[in-house]
Amino acid sequence: MAQRPFQTGAIVNLDAGESVKDVVVCTVPTKKRFEIKFLGINGFGHPNQPLFHAVHVTTKSVLGIYPIAVTGVAEIAEPEFPARYFGSQEAMLYAEPKSDVIFTVARKNTTGSVRVFINLCGMLIDV
């Protein structure tokens, strides 16, 4: 079974007034399975405005939604985004061929803009 390292990422921008947004991080190639081993999040927003993050993958034709907990929040000297939300974690997620890997960011308080970067790293496996 052939395998090769694979890394991909995406950016989600929420404008003032927006509470949730999904973005397709990648579409898994035909005849490949994406085994996600590690993921990282760097988000920029506002203090006291918690963000919800989740990755959606399809495995055996079933869509799974996996929330991601960030491990840190720091205030930074940036007027547009005065708070940074960050975290990384090991994962064992499997996305089937031709499926979309989706990343969701949501929030309750829609004041100000938010920008969140996600990176996924793993292996593309022949199926």
N, C-alpha and C. Protein backbone atom coordinates (compact mmCIF):
# COMPACT_ATOMS: atom_id res chain seq x y z
N MET A 1 0.86 -1.18 0.00
CA MET A 1 0.00 0.00 0.00
C MET A 1 0.90 1.23 0.00
N ALA A 2 0.82 2.02 -1.06
CA ALA A 2 1.63 3.23 -1.16
C ALA A 2 1.06 4.34 -0.29
N GLN A 3 1.95 5.09 0.31
CA GLN A 3 1.53 6.23 1.11
C GLN A 3 2.55 7.34 0.96
N ARG A 4 2.07 8.57 1.09
CA ARG A 4 2.99 9.70 1.03
C ARG A 4 2.49 10.78 1.98
N PRO A 5 3.43 11.53 2.59
CA PRO A 5 3.03 12.62 3.49
C PRO A 5 2.20 13.66 2.75
N PHE A 6 1.24 14.23 3.47
CA PHE A 6 0.36 15.23 2.88
C PHE A 6 0.04 16.27 3.93
N GLN A 7 0.10 17.53 3.53
CA GLN A 7 -0.26 18.63 4.42
C GLN A 7 -1.11 19.62 3.64
N THR A 8 -2.12 20.15 4.31
CA THR A 8 -3.00 21.13 3.68
C THR A 8 -3.52 22.07 4.75
N GLY A 9 -4.12 23.15 4.33
CA GLY A 9 -4.65 24.11 5.30
C GLY A 9 -5.67 25.03 4.66
N ALA A 10 -6.31 25.83 5.49
CA ALA A 10 -7.33 26.77 5.02
C ALA A 10 -7.44 27.92 6.01
N ILE A 11 -8.14 28.96 5.57
CA ILE A 11 -8.38 30.14 6.40
C ILE A 11 -9.89 30.40 6.41
N VAL A 12 -10.42 30.68 7.59
CA VAL A 12 -11.82 31.08 7.74
C VAL A 12 -11.83 32.52 8.24
N ASN A 13 -12.55 33.37 7.54
CA ASN A 13 -12.74 34.77 7.96
C ASN A 13 -14.20 34.99 8.29
N LEU A 14 -14.47 35.43 9.51
CA LEU A 14 -15.82 35.82 9.91
C LEU A 14 -15.82 37.34 10.03
N ASP A 15 -16.70 37.98 9.29
CA ASP A 15 -16.84 39.43 9.39
C ASP A 15 -17.79 39.76 10.53
N ALA A 16 -17.81 41.01 10.95
CA ALA A 16 -18.74 41.45 11.99
C ALA A 16 -20.15 41.06 11.55
N GLY A 17 -20.91 40.48 12.47
CA GLY A 17 -22.27 40.05 12.18
C GLY A 17 -22.38 38.60 11.77
N GLU A 18 -21.29 37.95 11.35
CA GLU A 18 -21.33 36.53 10.97
C GLU A 18 -21.06 35.67 12.19
N SER A 19 -21.85 34.60 12.34
CA SER A 19 -21.68 33.74 13.51
C SER A 19 -21.06 32.39 13.19
N VAL A 20 -21.16 31.91 11.94
CA VAL A 20 -20.61 30.59 11.61
C VAL A 20 -20.21 30.56 10.14
N LYS A 21 -19.15 29.82 9.86
CA LYS A 21 -18.72 29.64 8.47
C LYS A 21 -17.99 28.31 8.34
N ASP A 22 -18.28 27.63 7.23
CA ASP A 22 -17.59 26.40 6.86
C ASP A 22 -16.70 26.68 5.65
N VAL A 23 -15.58 25.98 5.58
CA VAL A 23 -14.71 26.07 4.41
C VAL A 23 -14.21 24.66 4.09
N VAL A 24 -14.13 24.34 2.80
CA VAL A 24 -13.56 23.06 2.38
C VAL A 24 -12.04 23.21 2.43
N VAL A 25 -11.41 22.42 3.29
CA VAL A 25 -9.96 22.46 3.42
C VAL A 25 -9.32 21.77 2.22
N CYS A 26 -9.87 20.62 1.84
CA CYS A 26 -9.38 19.91 0.66
C CYS A 26 -10.41 18.86 0.26
N THR A 27 -10.30 18.41 -0.97
CA THR A 27 -11.06 17.26 -1.45
C THR A 27 -10.06 16.13 -1.61
N VAL A 28 -10.34 15.01 -0.99
CA VAL A 28 -9.41 13.88 -1.03
C VAL A 28 -9.37 13.34 -2.46
N PRO A 29 -8.16 13.09 -2.99
CA PRO A 29 -8.06 12.58 -4.36
C PRO A 29 -8.74 11.21 -4.53
N THR A 30 -9.13 10.94 -5.76
CA THR A 30 -9.69 9.63 -6.12
C THR A 30 -8.67 8.54 -5.80
N LYS A 31 -9.14 7.43 -5.30
CA LYS A 31 -8.31 6.26 -4.97
C LYS A 31 -7.28 6.53 -3.88
N LYS A 32 -7.54 7.54 -3.05
CA LYS A 32 -6.68 7.84 -1.89
C LYS A 32 -7.56 8.01 -0.66
N ARG A 33 -6.99 7.73 0.49
CA ARG A 33 -7.62 8.02 1.78
C ARG A 33 -6.67 8.98 2.50
N PHE A 34 -7.22 10.02 3.11
CA PHE A 34 -6.41 10.97 3.87
C PHE A 34 -6.49 10.58 5.33
N GLU A 35 -5.37 10.12 5.88
CA GLU A 35 -5.28 9.80 7.29
C GLU A 35 -4.68 11.01 7.99
N ILE A 36 -5.53 11.76 8.68
CA ILE A 36 -5.10 12.97 9.37
C ILE A 36 -4.46 12.57 10.69
N LYS A 37 -3.22 12.98 10.87
CA LYS A 37 -2.46 12.61 12.07
C LYS A 37 -2.27 13.75 13.06
N PHE A 38 -2.28 14.97 12.53
CA PHE A 38 -1.99 16.12 13.39
C PHE A 38 -2.71 17.33 12.83
N LEU A 39 -3.20 18.20 13.71
CA LEU A 39 -3.83 19.44 13.25
C LEU A 39 -3.45 20.58 14.16
N GLY A 40 -3.43 21.77 13.58
CA GLY A 40 -3.07 22.96 14.33
C GLY A 40 -4.00 24.11 13.97
N ILE A 41 -4.30 24.94 14.97
CA ILE A 41 -5.18 26.09 14.78
C ILE A 41 -4.50 27.34 15.30
N ASN A 42 -4.56 28.39 14.51
CA ASN A 42 -4.14 29.73 14.93
C ASN A 42 -5.29 30.66 14.59
N GLY A 43 -5.95 31.18 15.61
CA GLY A 43 -7.09 32.06 15.40
C GLY A 43 -6.82 33.44 15.96
N PHE A 44 -7.43 34.42 15.33
CA PHE A 44 -7.26 35.80 15.76
C PHE A 44 -8.64 36.44 15.88
N GLY A 45 -8.95 36.94 17.08
CA GLY A 45 -10.27 37.51 17.32
C GLY A 45 -10.24 38.53 18.44
N HIS A 46 -11.18 38.35 19.39
CA HIS A 46 -11.36 39.33 20.45
C HIS A 46 -11.43 38.64 21.81
N PRO A 47 -10.88 39.29 22.85
CA PRO A 47 -10.94 38.70 24.19
C PRO A 47 -12.39 38.43 24.61
N ASN A 48 -12.58 37.42 25.40
CA ASN A 48 -13.89 37.05 25.93
C ASN A 48 -14.90 36.72 24.83
N GLN A 49 -14.40 36.25 23.69
CA GLN A 49 -15.28 35.82 22.60
C GLN A 49 -14.84 34.41 22.19
N PRO A 50 -15.31 33.39 22.93
CA PRO A 50 -14.89 32.03 22.63
C PRO A 50 -15.31 31.61 21.22
N LEU A 51 -14.45 30.81 20.60
CA LEU A 51 -14.72 30.30 19.27
C LEU A 51 -14.89 28.78 19.33
N PHE A 52 -15.77 28.26 18.49
CA PHE A 52 -15.96 26.82 18.32
C PHE A 52 -15.27 26.42 17.02
N HIS A 53 -14.46 25.35 17.06
CA HIS A 53 -13.76 24.86 15.88
C HIS A 53 -14.09 23.38 15.71
N ALA A 54 -14.30 22.93 14.47
CA ALA A 54 -14.55 21.51 14.22
C ALA A 54 -14.07 21.13 12.83
N VAL A 55 -13.63 19.89 12.70
CA VAL A 55 -13.27 19.30 11.41
C VAL A 55 -14.33 18.25 11.09
N HIS A 56 -14.79 18.25 9.83
CA HIS A 56 -15.78 17.28 9.37
C HIS A 56 -15.10 16.35 8.36
N VAL A 57 -15.18 15.05 8.58
CA VAL A 57 -14.65 14.08 7.62
C VAL A 57 -15.69 13.01 7.36
N THR A 58 -15.64 12.45 6.16
CA THR A 58 -16.53 11.36 5.78
C THR A 58 -15.72 10.07 5.76
N THR A 59 -16.17 9.08 6.55
CA THR A 59 -15.53 7.78 6.63
C THR A 59 -16.61 6.72 6.45
N LYS A 60 -16.41 5.84 5.47
CA LYS A 60 -17.41 4.81 5.14
C LYS A 60 -18.78 5.43 4.92
N SER A 61 -18.81 6.53 4.20
CA SER A 61 -20.02 7.27 3.82
C SER A 61 -20.76 7.91 4.98
N VAL A 62 -20.14 7.99 6.15
CA VAL A 62 -20.75 8.62 7.31
C VAL A 62 -19.96 9.90 7.64
N LEU A 63 -20.67 11.03 7.71
CA LEU A 63 -20.04 12.29 8.06
C LEU A 63 -19.86 12.37 9.57
N GLY A 64 -18.63 12.63 10.00
CA GLY A 64 -18.34 12.82 11.42
C GLY A 64 -17.88 14.24 11.65
N ILE A 65 -18.31 14.82 12.76
CA ILE A 65 -17.92 16.19 13.13
C ILE A 65 -17.12 16.10 14.42
N TYR A 66 -15.87 16.59 14.36
CA TYR A 66 -14.95 16.45 15.47
C TYR A 66 -14.54 17.83 15.99
N PRO A 67 -15.08 18.25 17.14
CA PRO A 67 -14.69 19.54 17.73
C PRO A 67 -13.22 19.52 18.13
N ILE A 68 -12.60 20.70 18.06
CA ILE A 68 -11.19 20.86 18.40
C ILE A 68 -11.10 21.89 19.51
N ALA A 69 -10.46 21.52 20.59
CA ALA A 69 -10.28 22.44 21.72
C ALA A 69 -8.94 23.14 21.57
N VAL A 70 -8.96 24.46 21.59
CA VAL A 70 -7.70 25.20 21.58
C VAL A 70 -7.09 25.15 22.97
N THR A 71 -5.77 25.22 23.04
CA THR A 71 -5.11 25.07 24.34
C THR A 71 -4.65 26.40 24.93
N GLY A 72 -4.74 27.47 24.15
CA GLY A 72 -4.28 28.72 24.69
C GLY A 72 -4.96 29.93 24.07
N VAL A 73 -4.97 31.01 24.85
CA VAL A 73 -5.47 32.31 24.40
C VAL A 73 -4.48 33.35 24.92
N ALA A 74 -4.09 34.27 24.05
CA ALA A 74 -3.17 35.32 24.46
C ALA A 74 -3.63 36.65 23.88
N GLU A 75 -3.53 37.70 24.67
CA GLU A 75 -3.81 39.03 24.13
C GLU A 75 -2.57 39.52 23.40
N ILE A 76 -2.80 40.15 22.24
CA ILE A 76 -1.69 40.64 21.43
C ILE A 76 -1.93 42.10 21.06
N ALA A 77 -0.87 42.78 20.69
CA ALA A 77 -0.96 44.20 20.35
C ALA A 77 -1.35 44.37 18.88
N GLU A 78 -2.57 44.00 18.58
CA GLU A 78 -3.10 44.12 17.22
C GLU A 78 -4.51 44.67 17.34
N PRO A 79 -4.76 45.89 16.88
CA PRO A 79 -6.07 46.51 17.09
C PRO A 79 -7.25 45.75 16.47
N GLU A 80 -7.05 45.18 15.29
CA GLU A 80 -8.16 44.48 14.63
C GLU A 80 -8.45 43.12 15.27
N PHE A 81 -7.40 42.43 15.73
CA PHE A 81 -7.53 41.11 16.35
C PHE A 81 -6.73 41.09 17.65
N PRO A 82 -7.25 41.62 18.75
CA PRO A 82 -6.46 41.73 19.98
C PRO A 82 -6.27 40.43 20.76
N ALA A 83 -6.87 39.32 20.30
CA ALA A 83 -6.69 38.04 21.00
C ALA A 83 -6.27 36.97 19.99
N ARG A 84 -5.37 36.09 20.43
CA ARG A 84 -4.94 34.97 19.60
C ARG A 84 -5.36 33.69 20.30
N TYR A 85 -6.03 32.80 19.55
CA TYR A 85 -6.46 31.49 20.02
C TYR A 85 -5.62 30.46 19.29
N PHE A 86 -5.02 29.52 20.01
CA PHE A 86 -4.13 28.58 19.34
C PHE A 86 -4.17 27.21 20.00
N GLY A 87 -3.79 26.23 19.22
CA GLY A 87 -3.71 24.88 19.74
C GLY A 87 -3.35 23.92 18.64
N SER A 88 -2.80 22.79 19.04
CA SER A 88 -2.51 21.71 18.11
C SER A 88 -2.70 20.40 18.85
N GLN A 89 -3.02 19.36 18.09
CA GLN A 89 -3.25 18.09 18.74
C GLN A 89 -3.08 16.96 17.74
N GLU A 90 -2.74 15.80 18.29
CA GLU A 90 -2.73 14.59 17.48
C GLU A 90 -4.15 14.22 17.17
N ALA A 91 -4.33 13.58 16.03
CA ALA A 91 -5.67 13.16 15.62
C ALA A 91 -5.57 11.81 14.92
N MET A 92 -6.67 11.10 14.87
CA MET A 92 -6.78 9.86 14.09
C MET A 92 -8.09 9.96 13.32
N LEU A 93 -8.07 10.72 12.24
CA LEU A 93 -9.25 10.93 11.42
C LEU A 93 -8.98 10.38 10.04
N TYR A 94 -9.99 9.75 9.44
CA TYR A 94 -9.84 9.13 8.13
C TYR A 94 -10.89 9.70 7.20
N ALA A 95 -10.43 10.30 6.10
CA ALA A 95 -11.34 10.86 5.10
C ALA A 95 -11.27 10.00 3.84
N GLU A 96 -12.43 9.57 3.37
CA GLU A 96 -12.46 8.64 2.25
C GLU A 96 -12.24 9.34 0.91
N PRO A 97 -11.92 8.57 -0.13
CA PRO A 97 -11.66 9.15 -1.45
C PRO A 97 -12.81 10.03 -1.94
N LYS A 98 -12.45 11.11 -2.60
CA LYS A 98 -13.36 12.06 -3.22
C LYS A 98 -14.26 12.81 -2.23
N SER A 99 -13.99 12.70 -0.92
CA SER A 99 -14.79 13.43 0.06
C SER A 99 -14.13 14.75 0.40
N ASP A 100 -14.94 15.69 0.87
CA ASP A 100 -14.43 17.00 1.31
C ASP A 100 -14.09 16.95 2.79
N VAL A 101 -12.94 17.49 3.14
CA VAL A 101 -12.59 17.73 4.54
C VAL A 101 -12.99 19.18 4.80
N ILE A 102 -13.87 19.39 5.78
CA ILE A 102 -14.47 20.70 6.04
C ILE A 102 -14.04 21.19 7.42
N PHE A 103 -13.82 22.48 7.53
CA PHE A 103 -13.48 23.12 8.79
C PHE A 103 -14.53 24.17 9.10
N THR A 104 -15.05 24.15 10.33
CA THR A 104 -16.08 25.08 10.78
C THR A 104 -15.54 25.95 11.92
N VAL A 105 -15.89 27.23 11.85
CA VAL A 105 -15.64 28.15 12.96
C VAL A 105 -16.97 28.81 13.29
N ALA A 106 -17.32 28.83 14.58
CA ALA A 106 -18.57 29.45 15.02
C ALA A 106 -18.33 30.25 16.28
N ARG A 107 -19.22 31.22 16.51
CA ARG A 107 -19.14 32.05 17.71
C ARG A 107 -20.54 32.55 18.06
N LYS A 108 -20.72 32.91 19.31
CA LYS A 108 -22.01 33.44 19.77
C LYS A 108 -22.05 34.96 19.59
N ASN A 109 -21.00 35.64 20.06
CA ASN A 109 -20.93 37.09 19.96
C ASN A 109 -20.33 37.45 18.60
N THR A 110 -21.06 38.19 17.77
CA THR A 110 -20.61 38.45 16.40
C THR A 110 -19.98 39.84 16.23
N THR A 111 -19.50 40.41 17.32
CA THR A 111 -18.84 41.72 17.25
C THR A 111 -17.43 41.56 16.69
N GLY A 112 -17.06 42.38 15.73
CA GLY A 112 -15.70 42.36 15.19
C GLY A 112 -15.45 41.20 14.25
N SER A 113 -14.27 41.24 13.65
CA SER A 113 -13.86 40.20 12.71
C SER A 113 -13.05 39.12 13.41
N VAL A 114 -13.04 37.93 12.80
CA VAL A 114 -12.26 36.79 13.29
C VAL A 114 -11.57 36.16 12.09
N ARG A 115 -10.33 35.71 12.29
CA ARG A 115 -9.60 34.99 11.25
C ARG A 115 -8.97 33.77 11.90
N VAL A 116 -9.24 32.58 11.31
CA VAL A 116 -8.71 31.35 11.87
C VAL A 116 -8.02 30.54 10.78
N PHE A 117 -6.79 30.13 11.06
CA PHE A 117 -6.01 29.28 10.16
C PHE A 117 -6.04 27.87 10.71
N ILE A 118 -6.20 26.87 9.83
CA ILE A 118 -6.07 25.46 10.23
C ILE A 118 -5.08 24.79 9.31
N ASN A 119 -4.27 23.92 9.88
CA ASN A 119 -3.36 23.08 9.13
C ASN A 119 -3.58 21.63 9.52
N LEU A 120 -3.65 20.77 8.51
CA LEU A 120 -3.83 19.32 8.72
C LEU A 120 -2.63 18.62 8.10
N CYS A 121 -2.10 17.65 8.81
CA CYS A 121 -0.95 16.91 8.34
C CYS A 121 -1.22 15.42 8.53
N GLY A 122 -0.83 14.63 7.54
CA GLY A 122 -1.03 13.20 7.65
C GLY A 122 -0.47 12.47 6.45
N MET A 123 -1.16 11.41 6.05
CA MET A 123 -0.72 10.59 4.94
C MET A 123 -1.85 10.38 3.95
N LEU A 124 -1.50 10.40 2.66
CA LEU A 124 -2.42 9.96 1.61
C LEU A 124 -2.08 8.50 1.34
N ILE A 125 -3.08 7.64 1.47
CA ILE A 125 -2.89 6.19 1.35
C ILE A 125 -3.66 5.69 0.14
N ASP A 126 -3.02 4.85 -0.68
CA ASP A 126 -3.72 4.22 -1.80
C ASP A 126 -4.79 3.27 -1.26
N VAL A 127 -5.95 3.29 -1.89
CA VAL A 127 -7.02 2.35 -1.48
C VAL A 127 -7.42 1.47 -2.64
